[in-house]
Each structure stands twice: as C-alpha cells, then as structure tokens.
C-alpha atoms as a PDB file:
ATOM      1  CA  MET A   1      58.222 -99.610 -32.701  1.00  0.00           C
ATOM      2  CA  ILE A   2      58.270-103.381 -33.287  1.00  0.00           C
ATOM      3  CA  LYS A   3      56.627-103.074 -36.697  1.00  0.00           C
ATOM      4  CA  ARG A   4      59.166-100.444 -37.749  1.00  0.00           C
ATOM      5  CA  PHE A   5      62.009-102.714 -36.623  1.00  0.00           C
ATOM      6  CA  LEU A   6      60.579-105.714 -38.478  1.00  0.00           C
ATOM      7  CA  ASP A   7      60.080-103.602 -41.611  1.00  0.00           C
ATOM      8  CA  TYR A   8      63.671-102.390 -41.307  1.00  0.00           C
ATOM      9  CA  ILE A   9      65.189-105.870 -41.090  1.00  0.00           C
ATOM     10  CA  ALA A  10      62.953-107.100 -43.900  1.00  0.00           C
ATOM     11  CA  ILE A  11      63.484-104.215 -46.321  1.00  0.00           C
ATOM     12  CA  GLU A  12      66.798-102.589 -45.468  1.00  0.00           C
ATOM     13  CA  LYS A  13      68.684-105.611 -44.158  1.00  0.00           C
ATOM     14  CA  ARG A  14      66.923-108.080 -46.499  1.00  0.00           C
ATOM     15  CA  TYR A  15      66.445-110.729 -43.839  1.00  0.00           C
ATOM     16  CA  SER A  16      64.451-113.737 -44.958  1.00  0.00           C
ATOM     17  CA  PRO A  17      60.703-113.756 -44.236  1.00  0.00           C
ATOM     18  CA  ARG A  18      61.220-116.641 -41.805  1.00  0.00           C
ATOM     19  CA  THR A  19      63.881-114.701 -39.867  1.00  0.00           C
ATOM     20  CA  VAL A  20      61.631-111.639 -39.687  1.00  0.00           C
ATOM     21  CA  LYS A  21      58.778-113.817 -38.430  1.00  0.00           C
ATOM     22  CA  GLU A  22      61.000-115.382 -35.760  1.00  0.00           C
ATOM     23  CA  TYR A  23      62.202-111.975 -34.578  1.00  0.00           C
ATOM     24  CA  GLY A  24      58.585-110.811 -34.411  1.00  0.00           C
ATOM     25  CA  ASP A  25      57.513-113.908 -32.474  1.00  0.00           C
ATOM     26  CA  ASP A  26      60.360-113.432 -29.990  1.00  0.00           C
ATOM     27  CA  LEU A  27      59.560-109.742 -29.487  1.00  0.00           C
ATOM     28  CA  ARG A  28      55.849-110.483 -29.010  1.00  0.00           C
ATOM     29  CA  ALA A  29      56.709-113.172 -26.448  1.00  0.00           C
ATOM     30  CA  TRP A  30      59.027-110.756 -24.656  1.00  0.00           C
ATOM     31  CA  CYS A  31      56.296-108.122 -24.513  1.00  0.00           C
ATOM     32  CA  ALA A  32      53.909-110.722 -23.097  1.00  0.00           C
ATOM     33  CA  TYR A  33      56.499-111.664 -20.458  1.00  0.00           C
ATOM     34  CA  LEU A  34      56.911-107.990 -19.505  1.00  0.00           C
ATOM     35  CA  GLY A  35      53.150-107.433 -19.496  1.00  0.00           C
ATOM     36  CA  TRP A  36      53.441-104.764 -22.190  1.00  0.00           C
ATOM     37  CA  ASP A  37      51.277-104.186 -25.236  1.00  0.00           C
ATOM     38  CA  LEU A  38      53.168-104.377 -28.517  1.00  0.00           C
ATOM     39  CA  GLU A  39      52.490-100.701 -29.116  1.00  0.00           C
ATOM     40  CA  ASP A  40      54.039 -99.860 -25.734  1.00  0.00           C
ATOM     41  CA  PHE A  41      57.347-101.623 -26.376  1.00  0.00           C
ATOM     42  CA  ASP A  42      60.165 -99.199 -25.669  1.00  0.00           C
ATOM     43  CA  PRO A  43      63.618-100.750 -25.330  1.00  0.00           C
ATOM     44  CA  THR A  44      64.864 -97.664 -23.490  1.00  0.00           C
ATOM     45  CA  GLN A  45      62.587 -98.673 -20.589  1.00  0.00           C
ATOM     46  CA  LEU A  46      64.251-102.082 -20.159  1.00  0.00           C
ATOM     47  CA  ASP A  47      66.792-102.758 -17.475  1.00  0.00           C
ATOM     48  CA  ALA A  48      69.211-105.594 -16.764  1.00  0.00           C
ATOM     49  CA  ASP A  49      66.685-107.396 -14.566  1.00  0.00           C
ATOM     50  CA  ASP A  50      64.184-107.483 -17.448  1.00  0.00           C
ATOM     51  CA  VAL A  51      66.768-109.103 -19.707  1.00  0.00           C
ATOM     52  CA  LYS A  52      68.008-111.541 -17.047  1.00  0.00           C
ATOM     53  CA  GLY A  53      64.473-112.592 -16.144  1.00  0.00           C
ATOM     54  CA  TRP A  54      63.587-113.225 -19.766  1.00  0.00           C
ATOM     55  CA  MET A  55      66.756-115.226 -20.341  1.00  0.00           C
ATOM     56  CA  MET A  56      66.079-117.353 -17.269  1.00  0.00           C
ATOM     57  CA  GLN A  57      62.593-118.051 -18.563  1.00  0.00           C
ATOM     58  CA  ILE A  58      63.627-119.073 -22.075  1.00  0.00           C
ATOM     59  CA  CYS A  59      66.834-120.969 -21.216  1.00  0.00           C
ATOM     60  CA  PRO A  60      65.014-124.159 -20.183  1.00  0.00           C
ATOM     61  CA  MET A  61      63.117-124.080 -23.479  1.00  0.00           C
ATOM     62  CA  LEU A  62      66.333-123.634 -25.472  1.00  0.00           C
ATOM     63  CA  LEU A  63      68.412-126.248 -23.672  1.00  0.00           C
ATOM     64  CA  PRO A  64      67.184-129.268 -25.707  1.00  0.00           C
ATOM     65  CA  THR A  65      67.917-127.411 -28.956  1.00  0.00           C
ATOM     66  CA  ILE A  66      71.377-126.388 -27.788  1.00  0.00           C
ATOM     67  CA  LEU A  67      72.227-129.922 -26.665  1.00  0.00           C
ATOM     68  CA  PHE A  68      70.969-131.345 -29.963  1.00  0.00           C
ATOM     69  CA  GLN A  69      73.128-128.934 -31.924  1.00  0.00           C
ATOM     70  CA  ILE A  70      76.193-129.727 -29.812  1.00  0.00           C
ATOM     71  CA  GLN A  71      75.712-133.461 -30.313  1.00  0.00           C
ATOM     72  CA  ASN A  72      75.506-133.039 -34.075  1.00  0.00           C
ATOM     73  CA  VAL A  73      78.710-131.043 -34.520  1.00  0.00           C
END
C-alpha cells in the first residue's frame, strides 16, 4: 500500500522527489514504531492511540525545528 501511495503522489500529484522520499521515510518510521512490516501497513487498522503515541514520540524530535522556524519569522 505504501508503494502505491508514493507512486500516486509522485505521478498523479507531481510531488517533488524529495517530498516523496520524506513521505516514504516517515511512513517507514511509523511502521517501525507500530512493529508492522511495510507490506502489512493498513491505515484502516490504526486507531487514535496509534496516532497519539506516534505524535508523542516524534514531537521531541520536531521541537528544535519548530522553535528555529518560529525564531526566523
């Protein structure tokens, strides 16, 4: 499913190669967090706790970037 999504945003939506790569990296990291294989990724099997847990894990990593961007506005 992930490959089909990445192909869709690359071909149909014409996202840049870098954007497609970043989406792919994020989805692979999310699958790793969930303990799923990439082939097993099924967004219909996610629940709110999966999303909240992932956000809590990545927020500390994003905070320096967010603060940097705020300071440079």
